[in-house]
Amino acid sequence: MGRMPSAERRRQLVDAAIRAMTRDGVARTTTRSICAEAGVSLSVFHYCFESKQALLEAAIETINSNYVARVMSAVEPGATLRETVRGALQTYWDHVTAHPGEHMLTYDLTQYALREPGFEHLARAQYEQYVASAGELVEQVRAVRDLDPRVPVDSIARYLAAAIDGLTLQFLVLGDEKTAATQLDLTADQLVSLIEGKTR
């Protein structure tokens, strides 16, 4: 392959890693298989990343950033706060139902990081990113609706991250879309009660 900027090579390897890990699982995906998926030599990998650990961290960040960008772009003022919140949740959920393998990968990454010595911090960073992303979403909704939440945004973000994490895993296990929709409705109702406050 021709010469390519290192940042683009990194993105190429990260995208290949996500595809390979989604297909084969984290434990069975090696640096060689990632290079094969990307169509590059092993030397290119070592030029871009110092270790598989660094690549996994980049993959987690990329997956999370893609989710955040998708949901944030969908936050628009609805007729009510409830519609605004529910619409944002649905945008995320549409991706879950369309790409379950990618979401399954996030749980695989967590388990792998917790079990592999030296990788534990990746699992912590992954869930810290979930909370930060949820906080960005709450802030976006708050700004769009011009509200002052009645409880701290950080507390709402931690609740939202935990709720969505559980709902996603439950859906991946049970595959029950009707129940998932009901649970999303309940989550939206709870978020409204937490976000809704005094109008500025």
C-alpha atoms as a PDB file:
ATOM      1  CA  MET A   1       0.000   0.000   0.000  1.00  0.00           C
ATOM      2  CA  GLY A   2       1.127   3.584  -0.626  1.00  0.00           C
ATOM      3  CA  ARG A   3       2.350   5.994   1.992  1.00  0.00           C
ATOM      4  CA  MET A   4      -0.358   7.325   4.261  1.00  0.00           C
ATOM      5  CA  PRO A   5      -0.319   9.820   7.179  1.00  0.00           C
ATOM      6  CA  SER A   6       0.155   8.075  10.526  1.00  0.00           C
ATOM      7  CA  ALA A   7      -3.185   9.359  11.862  1.00  0.00           C
ATOM      8  CA  GLU A   8      -4.967   7.794   8.899  1.00  0.00           C
ATOM      9  CA  ARG A   9      -3.033   4.549   9.357  1.00  0.00           C
ATOM     10  CA  ARG A  10      -4.102   4.505  13.013  1.00  0.00           C
ATOM     11  CA  ARG A  11      -7.751   4.945  12.031  1.00  0.00           C
ATOM     12  CA  GLN A  12      -7.362   2.194   9.449  1.00  0.00           C
ATOM     13  CA  LEU A  13      -5.984  -0.196  12.092  1.00  0.00           C
ATOM     14  CA  VAL A  14      -8.606   0.770  14.666  1.00  0.00           C
ATOM     15  CA  ASP A  15     -11.436   0.185  12.180  1.00  0.00           C
ATOM     16  CA  ALA A  16      -9.900  -3.158  11.207  1.00  0.00           C
ATOM     17  CA  ALA A  17      -9.551  -4.118  14.876  1.00  0.00           C
ATOM     18  CA  ILE A  18     -13.203  -3.325  15.543  1.00  0.00           C
ATOM     19  CA  ARG A  19     -14.293  -5.435  12.569  1.00  0.00           C
ATOM     20  CA  ALA A  20     -12.039  -8.343  13.521  1.00  0.00           C
ATOM     21  CA  MET A  21     -12.970  -8.294  17.210  1.00  0.00           C
ATOM     22  CA  THR A  22     -16.681  -8.026  16.425  1.00  0.00           C
ATOM     23  CA  ARG A  23     -16.367 -11.090  14.183  1.00  0.00           C
ATOM     24  CA  ASP A  24     -13.883 -13.224  16.146  1.00  0.00           C
ATOM     25  CA  GLY A  25     -13.942 -11.933  19.721  1.00  0.00           C
ATOM     26  CA  VAL A  26     -11.280  -9.959  21.551  1.00  0.00           C
ATOM     27  CA  ALA A  27      -9.290 -12.905  22.911  1.00  0.00           C
ATOM     28  CA  ARG A  28      -8.943 -14.540  19.484  1.00  0.00           C
ATOM     29  CA  THR A  29      -7.982 -11.340  17.693  1.00  0.00           C
ATOM     30  CA  THR A  30      -4.222 -10.892  17.408  1.00  0.00           C
ATOM     31  CA  THR A  31      -2.117  -8.044  16.110  1.00  0.00           C
ATOM     32  CA  ARG A  32      -1.352 -10.194  13.063  1.00  0.00           C
ATOM     33  CA  SER A  33      -5.025 -10.820  12.336  1.00  0.00           C
ATOM     34  CA  ILE A  34      -5.747  -7.098  12.705  1.00  0.00           C
ATOM     35  CA  CYS A  35      -2.963  -6.308  10.234  1.00  0.00           C
ATOM     36  CA  ALA A  36      -4.364  -8.893   7.832  1.00  0.00           C
ATOM     37  CA  GLU A  37      -7.812  -7.339   8.182  1.00  0.00           C
ATOM     38  CA  ALA A  38      -6.354  -3.896   7.461  1.00  0.00           C
ATOM     39  CA  GLY A  39      -4.136  -5.164   4.646  1.00  0.00           C
ATOM     40  CA  VAL A  40      -0.928  -3.809   6.201  1.00  0.00           C
ATOM     41  CA  SER A  41       2.308  -5.291   7.479  1.00  0.00           C
ATOM     42  CA  LEU A  42       3.047  -5.948  11.145  1.00  0.00           C
ATOM     43  CA  SER A  43       5.679  -3.207  11.018  1.00  0.00           C
ATOM     44  CA  VAL A  44       2.929  -0.690  10.255  1.00  0.00           C
ATOM     45  CA  PHE A  45       1.112  -1.758  13.414  1.00  0.00           C
ATOM     46  CA  HIS A  46       4.212  -1.273  15.563  1.00  0.00           C
ATOM     47  CA  TYR A  47       4.803   2.110  13.952  1.00  0.00           C
ATOM     48  CA  CYS A  48       1.287   3.257  14.880  1.00  0.00           C
ATOM     49  CA  PHE A  49       0.762   1.550  18.238  1.00  0.00           C
ATOM     50  CA  GLU A  50       3.185   0.548  20.959  1.00  0.00           C
ATOM     51  CA  SER A  51       1.048  -2.435  21.988  1.00  0.00           C
ATOM     52  CA  LYS A  52      -2.237  -4.270  21.562  1.00  0.00           C
ATOM     53  CA  GLN A  53      -3.316  -2.556  24.775  1.00  0.00           C
ATOM     54  CA  ALA A  54      -2.906   0.856  23.135  1.00  0.00           C
ATOM     55  CA  LEU A  55      -4.925  -0.297  20.137  1.00  0.00           C
ATOM     56  CA  LEU A  56      -7.724  -1.613  22.361  1.00  0.00           C
ATOM     57  CA  GLU A  57      -7.845   1.722  24.154  1.00  0.00           C
ATOM     58  CA  ALA A  58      -8.136   3.514  20.808  1.00  0.00           C
ATOM     59  CA  ALA A  59     -10.879   1.083  19.721  1.00  0.00           C
ATOM     60  CA  ILE A  60     -12.897   1.732  22.891  1.00  0.00           C
ATOM     61  CA  GLU A  61     -12.557   5.488  22.428  1.00  0.00           C
ATOM     62  CA  THR A  62     -13.587   5.241  18.770  1.00  0.00           C
ATOM     63  CA  ILE A  63     -16.678   3.124  19.459  1.00  0.00           C
ATOM     64  CA  ASN A  64     -17.777   5.439  22.252  1.00  0.00           C
ATOM     65  CA  SER A  65     -17.109   8.608  20.237  1.00  0.00           C
ATOM     66  CA  ASN A  66     -19.184   7.260  17.355  1.00  0.00           C
ATOM     67  CA  TYR A  67     -22.116   6.584  19.704  1.00  0.00           C
ATOM     68  CA  VAL A  68     -21.863  10.040  21.235  1.00  0.00           C
ATOM     69  CA  ALA A  69     -21.715  11.825  17.879  1.00  0.00           C
ATOM     70  CA  ARG A  70     -24.708   9.865  16.613  1.00  0.00           C
ATOM     71  CA  VAL A  71     -26.877  10.600  19.642  1.00  0.00           C
ATOM     72  CA  MET A  72     -25.817  14.229  20.069  1.00  0.00           C
ATOM     73  CA  SER A  73     -26.684  14.978  16.454  1.00  0.00           C
ATOM     74  CA  ALA A  74     -30.202  13.717  17.149  1.00  0.00           C
ATOM     75  CA  VAL A  75     -30.864  15.917  20.183  1.00  0.00           C
ATOM     76  CA  GLU A  76     -33.369  18.426  18.921  1.00  0.00           C
ATOM     77  CA  PRO A  77     -36.032  20.276  20.879  1.00  0.00           C
ATOM     78  CA  GLY A  78     -39.198  18.246  20.727  1.00  0.00           C
ATOM     79  CA  ALA A  79     -42.634  19.504  21.677  1.00  0.00           C
ATOM     80  CA  THR A  80     -41.881  18.342  25.223  1.00  0.00           C
ATOM     81  CA  LEU A  81     -38.835  17.422  27.294  1.00  0.00           C
ATOM     82  CA  ARG A  82     -40.063  13.813  27.224  1.00  0.00           C
ATOM     83  CA  GLU A  83     -40.048  13.761  23.411  1.00  0.00           C
ATOM     84  CA  THR A  84     -36.572  15.287  23.319  1.00  0.00           C
ATOM     85  CA  VAL A  85     -35.170  12.683  25.713  1.00  0.00           C
ATOM     86  CA  ARG A  86     -36.985   9.735  24.167  1.00  0.00           C
ATOM     87  CA  GLY A  87     -35.851  10.717  20.675  1.00  0.00           C
ATOM     88  CA  ALA A  88     -32.207  10.796  21.736  1.00  0.00           C
ATOM     89  CA  LEU A  89     -32.502   7.396  23.411  1.00  0.00           C
ATOM     90  CA  GLN A  90     -34.145   5.957  20.301  1.00  0.00           C
ATOM     91  CA  THR A  91     -31.255   7.103  18.124  1.00  0.00           C
ATOM     92  CA  TYR A  92     -28.851   5.105  20.279  1.00  0.00           C
ATOM     93  CA  TRP A  93     -31.225   2.146  20.375  1.00  0.00           C
ATOM     94  CA  ASP A  94     -31.648   2.042  16.614  1.00  0.00           C
ATOM     95  CA  HIS A  95     -27.892   1.426  16.403  1.00  0.00           C
ATOM     96  CA  VAL A  96     -28.121  -1.362  18.998  1.00  0.00           C
ATOM     97  CA  THR A  97     -30.750  -3.227  16.999  1.00  0.00           C
ATOM     98  CA  ALA A  98     -28.985  -2.613  13.673  1.00  0.00           C
ATOM     99  CA  HIS A  99     -25.466  -3.519  14.900  1.00  0.00           C
ATOM    100  CA  PRO A 100     -25.775  -5.909  17.864  1.00  0.00           C
ATOM    101  CA  GLY A 101     -22.346  -7.413  17.194  1.00  0.00           C
ATOM    102  CA  GLU A 102     -20.594  -4.097  17.749  1.00  0.00           C
ATOM    103  CA  HIS A 103     -22.407  -3.616  21.045  1.00  0.00           C
ATOM    104  CA  MET A 104     -21.604  -7.167  22.081  1.00  0.00           C
ATOM    105  CA  LEU A 105     -17.980  -6.286  21.429  1.00  0.00           C
ATOM    106  CA  THR A 106     -18.092  -3.576  24.102  1.00  0.00           C
ATOM    107  CA  TYR A 107     -18.948  -6.187  26.758  1.00  0.00           C
ATOM    108  CA  ASP A 108     -16.292  -8.525  25.379  1.00  0.00           C
ATOM    109  CA  LEU A 109     -13.742  -5.717  25.679  1.00  0.00           C
ATOM    110  CA  THR A 110     -14.747  -5.108  29.292  1.00  0.00           C
ATOM    111  CA  GLN A 111     -14.434  -8.759  30.284  1.00  0.00           C
ATOM    112  CA  TYR A 112     -11.139  -9.143  28.448  1.00  0.00           C
ATOM    113  CA  ALA A 113      -9.687  -6.049  30.112  1.00  0.00           C
ATOM    114  CA  LEU A 114     -10.772  -7.180  33.583  1.00  0.00           C
ATOM    115  CA  ARG A 115      -9.275 -10.645  33.147  1.00  0.00           C
ATOM    116  CA  GLU A 116      -6.039  -9.749  31.361  1.00  0.00           C
ATOM    117  CA  PRO A 117      -3.272  -8.581  33.738  1.00  0.00           C
ATOM    118  CA  GLY A 118      -2.224  -5.030  32.950  1.00  0.00           C
ATOM    119  CA  PHE A 119      -5.386  -4.227  30.993  1.00  0.00           C
ATOM    120  CA  GLU A 120      -7.690  -3.548  33.961  1.00  0.00           C
ATOM    121  CA  HIS A 121      -7.489   0.217  33.572  1.00  0.00           C
ATOM    122  CA  LEU A 122      -9.049  -0.065  30.106  1.00  0.00           C
ATOM    123  CA  ALA A 123     -12.301  -1.339  31.620  1.00  0.00           C
ATOM    124  CA  ARG A 124     -12.330   1.520  34.108  1.00  0.00           C
ATOM    125  CA  ALA A 125     -11.601   4.031  31.343  1.00  0.00           C
ATOM    126  CA  GLN A 126     -14.355   2.500  29.215  1.00  0.00           C
ATOM    127  CA  TYR A 127     -16.990   3.020  31.901  1.00  0.00           C
ATOM    128  CA  GLU A 128     -15.701   6.471  32.777  1.00  0.00           C
ATOM    129  CA  GLN A 129     -16.224   7.324  29.106  1.00  0.00           C
ATOM    130  CA  TYR A 130     -19.789   6.020  29.304  1.00  0.00           C
ATOM    131  CA  VAL A 131     -20.524   8.352  32.214  1.00  0.00           C
ATOM    132  CA  ALA A 132     -18.833  11.295  30.488  1.00  0.00           C
ATOM    133  CA  SER A 133     -20.823  10.618  27.313  1.00  0.00           C
ATOM    134  CA  ALA A 134     -24.076  10.393  29.251  1.00  0.00           C
ATOM    135  CA  GLY A 135     -23.191  13.690  30.904  1.00  0.00           C
ATOM    136  CA  GLU A 136     -22.676  15.311  27.497  1.00  0.00           C
ATOM    137  CA  LEU A 137     -26.085  14.067  26.411  1.00  0.00           C
ATOM    138  CA  VAL A 138     -27.792  15.394  29.557  1.00  0.00           C
ATOM    139  CA  GLU A 139     -26.057  18.751  29.131  1.00  0.00           C
ATOM    140  CA  GLN A 140     -27.161  18.892  25.501  1.00  0.00           C
ATOM    141  CA  VAL A 141     -30.766  18.130  26.422  1.00  0.00           C
ATOM    142  CA  ARG A 142     -30.630  20.645  29.275  1.00  0.00           C
ATOM    143  CA  ALA A 143     -29.308  23.349  26.940  1.00  0.00           C
ATOM    144  CA  VAL A 144     -31.827  22.601  24.197  1.00  0.00           C
ATOM    145  CA  ARG A 145     -34.710  22.816  26.675  1.00  0.00           C
ATOM    146  CA  ASP A 146     -33.093  25.663  28.687  1.00  0.00           C
ATOM    147  CA  LEU A 147     -33.524  23.905  32.031  1.00  0.00           C
ATOM    148  CA  ASP A 148     -31.710  23.688  35.343  1.00  0.00           C
ATOM    149  CA  PRO A 149     -31.801  20.014  36.446  1.00  0.00           C
ATOM    150  CA  ARG A 150     -33.094  19.400  39.935  1.00  0.00           C
ATOM    151  CA  VAL A 151     -30.239  16.985  40.692  1.00  0.00           C
ATOM    152  CA  PRO A 152     -26.533  17.238  39.690  1.00  0.00           C
ATOM    153  CA  VAL A 153     -25.795  16.395  36.061  1.00  0.00           C
ATOM    154  CA  ASP A 154     -23.084  13.937  37.167  1.00  0.00           C
ATOM    155  CA  SER A 155     -25.637  11.946  39.169  1.00  0.00           C
ATOM    156  CA  ILE A 156     -28.036  11.860  36.219  1.00  0.00           C
ATOM    157  CA  ALA A 157     -25.187  10.811  33.919  1.00  0.00           C
ATOM    158  CA  ARG A 158     -24.206   7.899  36.147  1.00  0.00           C
ATOM    159  CA  TYR A 159     -27.811   6.745  36.331  1.00  0.00           C
ATOM    160  CA  LEU A 160     -28.226   7.003  32.545  1.00  0.00           C
ATOM    161  CA  ALA A 161     -24.967   5.153  31.827  1.00  0.00           C
ATOM    162  CA  ALA A 162     -25.947   2.315  34.163  1.00  0.00           C
ATOM    163  CA  ALA A 163     -29.490   2.099  32.807  1.00  0.00           C
ATOM    164  CA  ILE A 164     -28.458   2.022  29.142  1.00  0.00           C
ATOM    165  CA  ASP A 165     -25.660  -0.457  29.853  1.00  0.00           C
ATOM    166  CA  GLY A 166     -28.108  -2.826  31.528  1.00  0.00           C
ATOM    167  CA  LEU A 167     -30.804  -2.422  28.893  1.00  0.00           C
ATOM    168  CA  THR A 168     -28.336  -3.068  26.091  1.00  0.00           C
ATOM    169  CA  LEU A 169     -26.980  -6.241  27.672  1.00  0.00           C
ATOM    170  CA  GLN A 170     -30.491  -7.476  28.442  1.00  0.00           C
ATOM    171  CA  PHE A 171     -31.519  -6.972  24.831  1.00  0.00           C
ATOM    172  CA  LEU A 172     -28.410  -8.728  23.508  1.00  0.00           C
ATOM    173  CA  VAL A 173     -29.237 -11.729  25.707  1.00  0.00           C
ATOM    174  CA  LEU A 174     -33.021 -11.868  25.291  1.00  0.00           C
ATOM    175  CA  GLY A 175     -33.580 -10.160  21.941  1.00  0.00           C
ATOM    176  CA  ASP A 176     -36.948  -8.883  23.127  1.00  0.00           C
ATOM    177  CA  GLU A 177     -37.608  -5.619  21.273  1.00  0.00           C
ATOM    178  CA  LYS A 178     -41.030  -5.046  22.817  1.00  0.00           C
ATOM    179  CA  THR A 179     -39.690  -5.247  26.362  1.00  0.00           C
ATOM    180  CA  ALA A 180     -36.731  -3.067  25.393  1.00  0.00           C
ATOM    181  CA  ALA A 181     -39.080  -0.364  24.079  1.00  0.00           C
ATOM    182  CA  THR A 182     -41.040  -0.417  27.339  1.00  0.00           C
ATOM    183  CA  GLN A 183     -37.839  -0.129  29.365  1.00  0.00           C
ATOM    184  CA  LEU A 184     -36.662   2.773  27.209  1.00  0.00           C
ATOM    185  CA  ASP A 185     -39.975   4.524  27.882  1.00  0.00           C
ATOM    186  CA  LEU A 186     -39.467   4.060  31.620  1.00  0.00           C
ATOM    187  CA  THR A 187     -35.895   5.319  31.367  1.00  0.00           C
ATOM    188  CA  ALA A 188     -37.077   8.407  29.491  1.00  0.00           C
ATOM    189  CA  ASP A 189     -39.714   9.047  32.154  1.00  0.00           C
ATOM    190  CA  GLN A 190     -37.123   8.779  34.916  1.00  0.00           C
ATOM    191  CA  LEU A 191     -34.700  11.076  33.087  1.00  0.00           C
ATOM    192  CA  VAL A 192     -37.420  13.678  32.640  1.00  0.00           C
ATOM    193  CA  SER A 193     -38.147  13.645  36.367  1.00  0.00           C
ATOM    194  CA  LEU A 194     -34.423  14.132  37.066  1.00  0.00           C
ATOM    195  CA  ILE A 195     -33.712  16.770  34.403  1.00  0.00           C
ATOM    196  CA  GLU A 196     -36.891  18.772  34.617  1.00  0.00           C
ATOM    197  CA  GLY A 197     -36.394  21.768  36.806  1.00  0.00           C
ATOM    198  CA  LYS A 198     -36.861  25.504  36.843  1.00  0.00           C
ATOM    199  CA  THR A 199     -36.797  27.141  33.421  1.00  0.00           C
ATOM    200  CA  ARG A 200     -34.024  29.707  33.156  1.00  0.00           C
END
